[in-house]
Amino acid sequence: MYLSPRHAEIVQMAKDHGRVLVDDLATHFNVTPQTIRKDLNDLCDQRLLSRIHGGALFPSGIENMEYEARRKIAAEEKEAIGSAAARLIPDNASLFINIGTTTESVSKALLDHSGLMVITNNINVANRMRIYPSIEVVIAGGVVRGSDGGVVGEAAVDFIRQFKVDYAVIGASAIDHDGALLDFDFREVKVAQAIIANARHVILVSDRTKFERTAPVRIGHLSQVNTFITDRCDIPSVRKICQEAEVQLIETSLD
């Protein structure tokens, strides 16, 4: 799915603030309200926003956004998070990388490492890293989700359980204020749990907009990870969980 720069910025603004208003957007972009109404209608037709009187809402619920659209959301923040995660992973390490646009950013930042063994259920990550001779890529078998290239299902779970790796890099579609890590696909639950259970050090990577979203499927809890990397965490309950569970919290916007 292609998003124009203005459409991508509108979606980002809706994600940051929960909603956007026609008049505010018209002023921000210096275009007519009619142009903004057409933009919002187009984005709602693509199910990226939900229309309300005078504007639109960023949707939460049972279905995730399209993968290509998610890549454009908080892109700079994801790049910084990816770089911070890569700095924690030494050469000659073994690691899991699961599905997600933020975990994909970590894979980009790892390309100058050597001697890595990367096990992934993320076809996008495997395709990006496979051409680097200093990185061995192992991809899980199973059902491939057409929406994002994630490999899920019992076959993927059984495959992942064969390994015990140094690091796991995981993402989440949403993070509840009680620390629950949430996803939109129940088939991802066992895959994510197998990844967490079979890594010595678990790194959760997620930008702050995930605190504003909801998703129906619980894949784990913040207390199960060792390190949480985000651009910024302003949620007191989440900070408390990190402190009490001895989870290292890294905020890239403070670097």
C-alpha atoms as a PDB file:
ATOM      1  CA  MET A   1       0.000   0.000   0.000  1.00  0.00           C
ATOM      2  CA  TYR A   2       1.394   3.430  -0.981  1.00  0.00           C
ATOM      3  CA  LEU A   3       0.830   6.393   1.314  1.00  0.00           C
ATOM      4  CA  SER A   4       1.606   9.908   0.172  1.00  0.00           C
ATOM      5  CA  PRO A   5       3.710  11.964   2.606  1.00  0.00           C
ATOM      6  CA  ARG A   6       0.630  13.918   3.691  1.00  0.00           C
ATOM      7  CA  HIS A   7      -1.417  10.764   4.237  1.00  0.00           C
ATOM      8  CA  ALA A   8       1.409   9.191   6.250  1.00  0.00           C
ATOM      9  CA  GLU A   9       1.683  12.307   8.414  1.00  0.00           C
ATOM     10  CA  ILE A  10      -2.087  12.402   8.978  1.00  0.00           C
ATOM     11  CA  VAL A  11      -2.040   8.770  10.146  1.00  0.00           C
ATOM     12  CA  GLN A  12       0.924   9.519  12.426  1.00  0.00           C
ATOM     13  CA  MET A  13      -0.865  12.534  13.923  1.00  0.00           C
ATOM     14  CA  ALA A  14      -3.988  10.449  14.515  1.00  0.00           C
ATOM     15  CA  LYS A  15      -1.878   7.753  16.151  1.00  0.00           C
ATOM     16  CA  ASP A  16      -0.099  10.272  18.394  1.00  0.00           C
ATOM     17  CA  HIS A  17      -3.228  12.141  19.485  1.00  0.00           C
ATOM     18  CA  GLY A  18      -6.007   9.572  19.072  1.00  0.00           C
ATOM     19  CA  ARG A  19      -7.931  11.748  16.631  1.00  0.00           C
ATOM     20  CA  VAL A  20      -7.475  14.477  14.023  1.00  0.00           C
ATOM     21  CA  LEU A  21      -9.827  17.315  13.060  1.00  0.00           C
ATOM     22  CA  VAL A  22     -10.466  18.630   9.561  1.00  0.00           C
ATOM     23  CA  ASP A  23      -9.931  22.302  10.416  1.00  0.00           C
ATOM     24  CA  ASP A  24      -6.696  21.631  12.301  1.00  0.00           C
ATOM     25  CA  LEU A  25      -5.310  19.535   9.456  1.00  0.00           C
ATOM     26  CA  ALA A  26      -6.284  22.115   6.844  1.00  0.00           C
ATOM     27  CA  THR A  27      -4.352  24.767   8.776  1.00  0.00           C
ATOM     28  CA  HIS A  28      -1.385  22.468   9.380  1.00  0.00           C
ATOM     29  CA  PHE A  29      -0.998  21.511   5.710  1.00  0.00           C
ATOM     30  CA  ASN A  30      -2.194  24.847   4.285  1.00  0.00           C
ATOM     31  CA  VAL A  31      -4.847  23.188   2.130  1.00  0.00           C
ATOM     32  CA  THR A  32      -8.622  23.479   1.956  1.00  0.00           C
ATOM     33  CA  PRO A  33     -10.950  21.575   4.298  1.00  0.00           C
ATOM     34  CA  GLN A  34     -12.366  19.845   1.209  1.00  0.00           C
ATOM     35  CA  THR A  35      -8.914  18.440   0.420  1.00  0.00           C
ATOM     36  CA  ILE A  36      -8.561  17.145   3.977  1.00  0.00           C
ATOM     37  CA  ARG A  37     -12.020  15.563   3.896  1.00  0.00           C
ATOM     38  CA  LYS A  38     -11.000  13.679   0.755  1.00  0.00           C
ATOM     39  CA  ASP A  39      -7.745  12.606   2.449  1.00  0.00           C
ATOM     40  CA  LEU A  40      -9.644  11.306   5.466  1.00  0.00           C
ATOM     41  CA  ASN A  41     -12.171   9.492   3.297  1.00  0.00           C
ATOM     42  CA  ASP A  42      -9.334   7.807   1.390  1.00  0.00           C
ATOM     43  CA  LEU A  43      -7.602   6.754   4.618  1.00  0.00           C
ATOM     44  CA  CYS A  44     -10.871   5.466   6.058  1.00  0.00           C
ATOM     45  CA  ASP A  45     -11.501   3.476   2.872  1.00  0.00           C
ATOM     46  CA  GLN A  46      -8.093   1.858   3.468  1.00  0.00           C
ATOM     47  CA  ARG A  47      -9.183   1.199   7.079  1.00  0.00           C
ATOM     48  CA  LEU A  48      -6.284   3.208   8.470  1.00  0.00           C
ATOM     49  CA  LEU A  49      -8.625   5.679  10.210  1.00  0.00           C
ATOM     50  CA  SER A  50     -12.252   5.726  11.380  1.00  0.00           C
ATOM     51  CA  ARG A  51     -14.413   8.706  10.390  1.00  0.00           C
ATOM     52  CA  ILE A  52     -16.109  10.872  13.011  1.00  0.00           C
ATOM     53  CA  HIS A  53     -17.974  14.165  12.649  1.00  0.00           C
ATOM     54  CA  GLY A  54     -15.395  16.805  11.818  1.00  0.00           C
ATOM     55  CA  GLY A  55     -12.422  14.474  11.684  1.00  0.00           C
ATOM     56  CA  ALA A  56     -11.189  10.922  12.165  1.00  0.00           C
ATOM     57  CA  LEU A  57      -9.972   8.543  14.868  1.00  0.00           C
ATOM     58  CA  PHE A  58      -7.019   6.196  14.907  1.00  0.00           C
ATOM     59  CA  PRO A  59      -8.574   2.724  15.148  1.00  0.00           C
ATOM     60  CA  SER A  60      -7.852   0.143  17.821  1.00  0.00           C
ATOM     61  CA  GLY A  61      -9.556  -3.175  18.129  1.00  0.00           C
ATOM     62  CA  ILE A  62      -9.294  -6.571  16.531  1.00  0.00           C
ATOM     63  CA  GLU A  63      -7.419  -5.842  13.297  1.00  0.00           C
ATOM     64  CA  ASN A  64      -3.984  -4.361  12.705  1.00  0.00           C
ATOM     65  CA  MET A  65      -2.950  -1.791  10.113  1.00  0.00           C
ATOM     66  CA  GLU A  66      -1.392  -2.858   6.829  1.00  0.00           C
ATOM     67  CA  TYR A  67       2.308  -3.686   7.176  1.00  0.00           C
ATOM     68  CA  GLU A  68       3.557  -1.140   4.634  1.00  0.00           C
ATOM     69  CA  ALA A  69       1.573   1.616   6.337  1.00  0.00           C
ATOM     70  CA  ARG A  70       2.955   0.595   9.747  1.00  0.00           C
ATOM     71  CA  ARG A  71       6.495   0.902   8.382  1.00  0.00           C
ATOM     72  CA  LYS A  72       5.910   4.632   7.843  1.00  0.00           C
ATOM     73  CA  ILE A  73       4.557   5.286  11.331  1.00  0.00           C
ATOM     74  CA  ALA A  74       7.172   6.629  13.797  1.00  0.00           C
ATOM     75  CA  ALA A  75       9.882   5.655  11.305  1.00  0.00           C
ATOM     76  CA  GLU A  76      12.610   7.804  12.889  1.00  0.00           C
ATOM     77  CA  GLU A  77      11.770   6.538  16.370  1.00  0.00           C
ATOM     78  CA  LYS A  78      11.932   2.936  15.169  1.00  0.00           C
ATOM     79  CA  GLU A  79      15.317   3.555  13.581  1.00  0.00           C
ATOM     80  CA  ALA A  80      16.684   4.932  16.872  1.00  0.00           C
ATOM     81  CA  ILE A  81      15.204   2.006  18.798  1.00  0.00           C
ATOM     82  CA  GLY A  82      16.731  -0.425  16.315  1.00  0.00           C
ATOM     83  CA  SER A  83      20.170   1.141  16.714  1.00  0.00           C
ATOM     84  CA  ALA A  84      19.917   1.016  20.517  1.00  0.00           C
ATOM     85  CA  ALA A  85      18.969  -2.667  20.423  1.00  0.00           C
ATOM     86  CA  ALA A  86      21.795  -3.497  18.028  1.00  0.00           C
ATOM     87  CA  ARG A  87      24.307  -1.926  20.425  1.00  0.00           C
ATOM     88  CA  LEU A  88      23.307  -4.458  23.082  1.00  0.00           C
ATOM     89  CA  ILE A  89      23.985  -7.443  20.825  1.00  0.00           C
ATOM     90  CA  PRO A  90      27.651  -8.418  20.345  1.00  0.00           C
ATOM     91  CA  ASP A  91      29.239 -10.101  17.361  1.00  0.00           C
ATOM     92  CA  ASN A  92      29.058 -13.911  17.304  1.00  0.00           C
ATOM     93  CA  ALA A  93      25.725 -13.973  19.152  1.00  0.00           C
ATOM     94  CA  SER A  94      22.679 -16.118  18.440  1.00  0.00           C
ATOM     95  CA  LEU A  95      19.274 -14.462  18.478  1.00  0.00           C
ATOM     96  CA  PHE A  96      15.598 -14.671  17.651  1.00  0.00           C
ATOM     97  CA  ILE A  97      13.887 -11.818  15.785  1.00  0.00           C
ATOM     98  CA  ASN A  98      10.098 -11.979  15.543  1.00  0.00           C
ATOM     99  CA  ILE A  99       7.602 -10.256  13.271  1.00  0.00           C
ATOM    100  CA  GLY A 100       7.087  -6.493  13.340  1.00  0.00           C
ATOM    101  CA  THR A 101       8.226  -3.235  11.807  1.00  0.00           C
ATOM    102  CA  THR A 102      10.286  -2.260  14.863  1.00  0.00           C
ATOM    103  CA  THR A 103      12.051  -5.623  15.008  1.00  0.00           C
ATOM    104  CA  GLU A 104      12.733  -5.177  11.300  1.00  0.00           C
ATOM    105  CA  SER A 105      14.473  -1.893  12.181  1.00  0.00           C
ATOM    106  CA  VAL A 106      16.691  -3.841  14.581  1.00  0.00           C
ATOM    107  CA  SER A 107      17.643  -6.215  11.767  1.00  0.00           C
ATOM    108  CA  LYS A 108      18.746  -3.253   9.634  1.00  0.00           C
ATOM    109  CA  ALA A 109      20.970  -1.990  12.446  1.00  0.00           C
ATOM    110  CA  LEU A 110      22.574  -5.427  12.835  1.00  0.00           C
ATOM    111  CA  LEU A 111      23.864  -5.666   9.273  1.00  0.00           C
ATOM    112  CA  ASP A 112      27.364  -4.504  10.196  1.00  0.00           C
ATOM    113  CA  HIS A 113      27.695  -7.232  12.851  1.00  0.00           C
ATOM    114  CA  SER A 114      29.612 -10.418  12.118  1.00  0.00           C
ATOM    115  CA  GLY A 115      29.226 -14.012  13.179  1.00  0.00           C
ATOM    116  CA  LEU A 116      25.523 -13.708  13.991  1.00  0.00           C
ATOM    117  CA  MET A 117      23.089 -16.595  13.879  1.00  0.00           C
ATOM    118  CA  VAL A 118      19.594 -15.168  13.386  1.00  0.00           C
ATOM    119  CA  ILE A 119      16.518 -17.369  13.783  1.00  0.00           C
ATOM    120  CA  THR A 120      13.375 -15.592  12.654  1.00  0.00           C
ATOM    121  CA  ASN A 121       9.714 -16.045  11.800  1.00  0.00           C
ATOM    122  CA  ASN A 122       9.866 -12.757   9.888  1.00  0.00           C
ATOM    123  CA  ILE A 123      10.257 -13.200   6.123  1.00  0.00           C
ATOM    124  CA  ASN A 124      11.105  -9.500   5.743  1.00  0.00           C
ATOM    125  CA  VAL A 125      14.034  -9.880   8.155  1.00  0.00           C
ATOM    126  CA  ALA A 126      15.230 -13.093   6.499  1.00  0.00           C
ATOM    127  CA  ASN A 127      15.125 -11.520   3.049  1.00  0.00           C
ATOM    128  CA  ARG A 128      17.051  -8.453   4.218  1.00  0.00           C
ATOM    129  CA  MET A 129      19.793 -10.335   6.095  1.00  0.00           C
ATOM    130  CA  ARG A 130      20.298 -13.361   3.832  1.00  0.00           C
ATOM    131  CA  ILE A 131      22.722 -11.621   1.455  1.00  0.00           C
ATOM    132  CA  TYR A 132      25.247 -10.849   4.208  1.00  0.00           C
ATOM    133  CA  PRO A 133      27.779 -13.712   4.348  1.00  0.00           C
ATOM    134  CA  SER A 134      28.780 -12.932   7.947  1.00  0.00           C
ATOM    135  CA  ILE A 135      25.203 -13.535   9.147  1.00  0.00           C
ATOM    136  CA  GLU A 136      23.616 -16.986   9.166  1.00  0.00           C
ATOM    137  CA  VAL A 137      19.840 -16.784   8.758  1.00  0.00           C
ATOM    138  CA  VAL A 138      17.528 -19.599   9.836  1.00  0.00           C
ATOM    139  CA  ILE A 139      13.821 -19.201   9.098  1.00  0.00           C
ATOM    140  CA  ALA A 140      11.016 -21.014  10.885  1.00  0.00           C
ATOM    141  CA  GLY A 141       8.545 -23.118   8.946  1.00  0.00           C
ATOM    142  CA  GLY A 142       4.803 -22.754   9.278  1.00  0.00           C
ATOM    143  CA  VAL A 143       1.901 -20.715   7.959  1.00  0.00           C
ATOM    144  CA  VAL A 144       2.926 -17.447   6.274  1.00  0.00           C
ATOM    145  CA  ARG A 145       0.610 -14.521   7.000  1.00  0.00           C
ATOM    146  CA  GLY A 146      -0.030 -12.692   3.762  1.00  0.00           C
ATOM    147  CA  SER A 147      -0.550  -9.401   5.599  1.00  0.00           C
ATOM    148  CA  ASP A 148       2.995  -9.052   6.941  1.00  0.00           C
ATOM    149  CA  GLY A 149       5.154 -12.076   6.101  1.00  0.00           C
ATOM    150  CA  GLY A 150       5.049 -13.465   9.624  1.00  0.00           C
ATOM    151  CA  VAL A 151       5.419 -17.243  10.004  1.00  0.00           C
ATOM    152  CA  VAL A 152       3.028 -18.589  12.644  1.00  0.00           C
ATOM    153  CA  GLY A 153       1.420 -21.826  13.779  1.00  0.00           C
ATOM    154  CA  GLU A 154       2.437 -25.013  15.587  1.00  0.00           C
ATOM    155  CA  ALA A 155       5.195 -25.869  13.108  1.00  0.00           C
ATOM    156  CA  ALA A 156       6.894 -22.536  13.822  1.00  0.00           C
ATOM    157  CA  VAL A 157       6.555 -23.098  17.568  1.00  0.00           C
ATOM    158  CA  ASP A 158       8.076 -26.587  17.384  1.00  0.00           C
ATOM    159  CA  PHE A 159      10.946 -25.256  15.280  1.00  0.00           C
ATOM    160  CA  ILE A 160      11.741 -22.399  17.675  1.00  0.00           C
ATOM    161  CA  ARG A 161      11.768 -24.759  20.664  1.00  0.00           C
ATOM    162  CA  GLN A 162      14.775 -26.549  19.184  1.00  0.00           C
ATOM    163  CA  PHE A 163      16.992 -23.563  20.000  1.00  0.00           C
ATOM    164  CA  LYS A 164      18.349 -21.820  23.089  1.00  0.00           C
ATOM    165  CA  VAL A 165      19.744 -18.466  21.989  1.00  0.00           C
ATOM    166  CA  ASP A 166      21.602 -15.568  23.572  1.00  0.00           C
ATOM    167  CA  TYR A 167      19.062 -12.868  22.712  1.00  0.00           C
ATOM    168  CA  ALA A 168      15.481 -12.470  21.550  1.00  0.00           C
ATOM    169  CA  VAL A 169      14.212  -9.282  19.919  1.00  0.00           C
ATOM    170  CA  ILE A 170      10.427  -9.084  20.133  1.00  0.00           C
ATOM    171  CA  GLY A 171       7.767  -6.489  19.414  1.00  0.00           C
ATOM    172  CA  ALA A 172       4.129  -5.999  20.361  1.00  0.00           C
ATOM    173  CA  SER A 173       1.140  -4.517  18.554  1.00  0.00           C
ATOM    174  CA  ALA A 174       0.041  -2.806  21.769  1.00  0.00           C
ATOM    175  CA  ILE A 175       1.190  -2.499  25.376  1.00  0.00           C
ATOM    176  CA  ASP A 176      -1.474  -2.170  28.050  1.00  0.00           C
ATOM    177  CA  HIS A 177      -0.833   0.054  31.045  1.00  0.00           C
ATOM    178  CA  ASP A 178      -0.879  -3.082  33.232  1.00  0.00           C
ATOM    179  CA  GLY A 179       2.124  -4.400  31.287  1.00  0.00           C
ATOM    180  CA  ALA A 180       0.298  -6.878  29.056  1.00  0.00           C
ATOM    181  CA  LEU A 181       1.921  -7.322  25.642  1.00  0.00           C
ATOM    182  CA  LEU A 182      -0.823  -7.583  23.021  1.00  0.00           C
ATOM    183  CA  ASP A 183      -1.218  -8.749  19.434  1.00  0.00           C
ATOM    184  CA  PHE A 184      -3.979  -9.101  16.845  1.00  0.00           C
ATOM    185  CA  ASP A 185      -3.426 -12.755  15.850  1.00  0.00           C
ATOM    186  CA  PHE A 186      -3.937 -15.599  18.332  1.00  0.00           C
ATOM    187  CA  ARG A 187      -1.550 -17.721  16.236  1.00  0.00           C
ATOM    188  CA  GLU A 188       1.304 -15.411  17.255  1.00  0.00           C
ATOM    189  CA  VAL A 189       0.834 -16.187  20.976  1.00  0.00           C
ATOM    190  CA  LYS A 190       2.630 -19.525  21.136  1.00  0.00           C
ATOM    191  CA  VAL A 191       5.334 -18.327  18.747  1.00  0.00           C
ATOM    192  CA  ALA A 192       6.090 -15.273  20.905  1.00  0.00           C
ATOM    193  CA  GLN A 193       5.968 -17.310  24.108  1.00  0.00           C
ATOM    194  CA  ALA A 194       8.347 -19.913  22.659  1.00  0.00           C
ATOM    195  CA  ILE A 195      10.754 -17.143  21.658  1.00  0.00           C
ATOM    196  CA  ILE A 196      10.643 -15.619  25.161  1.00  0.00           C
ATOM    197  CA  ALA A 197      11.103 -19.006  26.855  1.00  0.00           C
ATOM    198  CA  ASN A 198      14.106 -20.015  24.757  1.00  0.00           C
ATOM    199  CA  ALA A 199      16.262 -16.879  24.991  1.00  0.00           C
ATOM    200  CA  ARG A 200      18.689 -15.949  27.731  1.00  0.00           C
ATOM    201  CA  HIS A 201      18.042 -12.220  27.320  1.00  0.00           C
ATOM    202  CA  VAL A 202      14.763 -10.843  25.925  1.00  0.00           C
ATOM    203  CA  ILE A 203      14.697  -7.356  24.380  1.00  0.00           C
ATOM    204  CA  LEU A 204      11.280  -5.753  23.793  1.00  0.00           C
ATOM    205  CA  VAL A 205      11.341  -2.983  21.174  1.00  0.00           C
ATOM    206  CA  SER A 206       8.330  -0.718  20.794  1.00  0.00           C
ATOM    207  CA  ASP A 207       7.683   2.969  20.162  1.00  0.00           C
ATOM    208  CA  ARG A 208       5.501   4.976  22.541  1.00  0.00           C
ATOM    209  CA  THR A 209       2.420   4.919  20.307  1.00  0.00           C
ATOM    210  CA  LYS A 210       1.915   1.267  21.311  1.00  0.00           C
ATOM    211  CA  PHE A 211       0.788   2.532  24.733  1.00  0.00           C
ATOM    212  CA  GLU A 212      -2.169   4.228  23.017  1.00  0.00           C
ATOM    213  CA  ARG A 213      -3.371   1.168  21.120  1.00  0.00           C
ATOM    214  CA  THR A 214      -5.323  -1.925  22.068  1.00  0.00           C
ATOM    215  CA  ALA A 215      -5.316  -5.433  20.643  1.00  0.00           C
ATOM    216  CA  PRO A 216      -7.314  -8.496  21.711  1.00  0.00           C
ATOM    217  CA  VAL A 217      -4.660 -11.203  22.171  1.00  0.00           C
ATOM    218  CA  ARG A 218      -2.266 -11.382  25.133  1.00  0.00           C
ATOM    219  CA  ILE A 219       1.160 -12.724  24.121  1.00  0.00           C
ATOM    220  CA  GLY A 220       3.047 -12.038  27.337  1.00  0.00           C
ATOM    221  CA  HIS A 221       3.873  -9.479  30.010  1.00  0.00           C
ATOM    222  CA  LEU A 222       6.450  -6.740  30.334  1.00  0.00           C
ATOM    223  CA  SER A 223       7.872  -8.418  33.439  1.00  0.00           C
ATOM    224  CA  GLN A 224       8.983 -11.362  31.267  1.00  0.00           C
ATOM    225  CA  VAL A 225      11.554  -9.310  29.350  1.00  0.00           C
ATOM    226  CA  ASN A 226      15.029  -8.210  30.413  1.00  0.00           C
ATOM    227  CA  THR A 227      15.288  -4.961  28.457  1.00  0.00           C
ATOM    228  CA  PHE A 228      12.587  -2.638  27.115  1.00  0.00           C
ATOM    229  CA  ILE A 229      13.676  -0.118  24.483  1.00  0.00           C
ATOM    230  CA  THR A 230      11.275   2.659  23.494  1.00  0.00           C
ATOM    231  CA  ASP A 231      11.567   6.247  22.362  1.00  0.00           C
ATOM    232  CA  ARG A 232       9.791   7.514  25.480  1.00  0.00           C
ATOM    233  CA  CYS A 233       7.757   6.056  28.332  1.00  0.00           C
ATOM    234  CA  ASP A 234       5.403   8.484  30.086  1.00  0.00           C
ATOM    235  CA  ILE A 235       3.184   5.810  31.664  1.00  0.00           C
ATOM    236  CA  PRO A 236       3.826   5.654  35.448  1.00  0.00           C
ATOM    237  CA  SER A 237       2.439   2.121  35.814  1.00  0.00           C
ATOM    238  CA  VAL A 238       4.732   0.835  33.063  1.00  0.00           C
ATOM    239  CA  ARG A 239       7.761   2.504  34.621  1.00  0.00           C
ATOM    240  CA  LYS A 240       6.812   0.941  37.966  1.00  0.00           C
ATOM    241  CA  ILE A 241       6.599  -2.533  36.408  1.00  0.00           C
ATOM    242  CA  CYS A 242      10.056  -2.088  34.905  1.00  0.00           C
ATOM    243  CA  GLN A 243      11.462  -1.010  38.254  1.00  0.00           C
ATOM    244  CA  GLU A 244       9.816  -3.789  40.276  1.00  0.00           C
ATOM    245  CA  ALA A 245      10.632  -6.542  37.745  1.00  0.00           C
ATOM    246  CA  GLU A 246      14.189  -5.232  37.223  1.00  0.00           C
ATOM    247  CA  VAL A 247      13.564  -4.622  33.531  1.00  0.00           C
ATOM    248  CA  GLN A 248      16.148  -2.295  32.013  1.00  0.00           C
ATOM    249  CA  LEU A 249      14.253   0.638  30.463  1.00  0.00           C
ATOM    250  CA  ILE A 250      16.059   2.458  27.646  1.00  0.00           C
ATOM    251  CA  GLU A 251      14.455   5.619  26.224  1.00  0.00           C
ATOM    252  CA  THR A 252      16.126   6.674  23.001  1.00  0.00           C
ATOM    253  CA  SER A 253      14.690  10.207  23.053  1.00  0.00           C
ATOM    254  CA  LEU A 254      16.781  10.850  26.178  1.00  0.00           C
ATOM    255  CA  ASP A 255      20.057   9.869  24.509  1.00  0.00           C
END
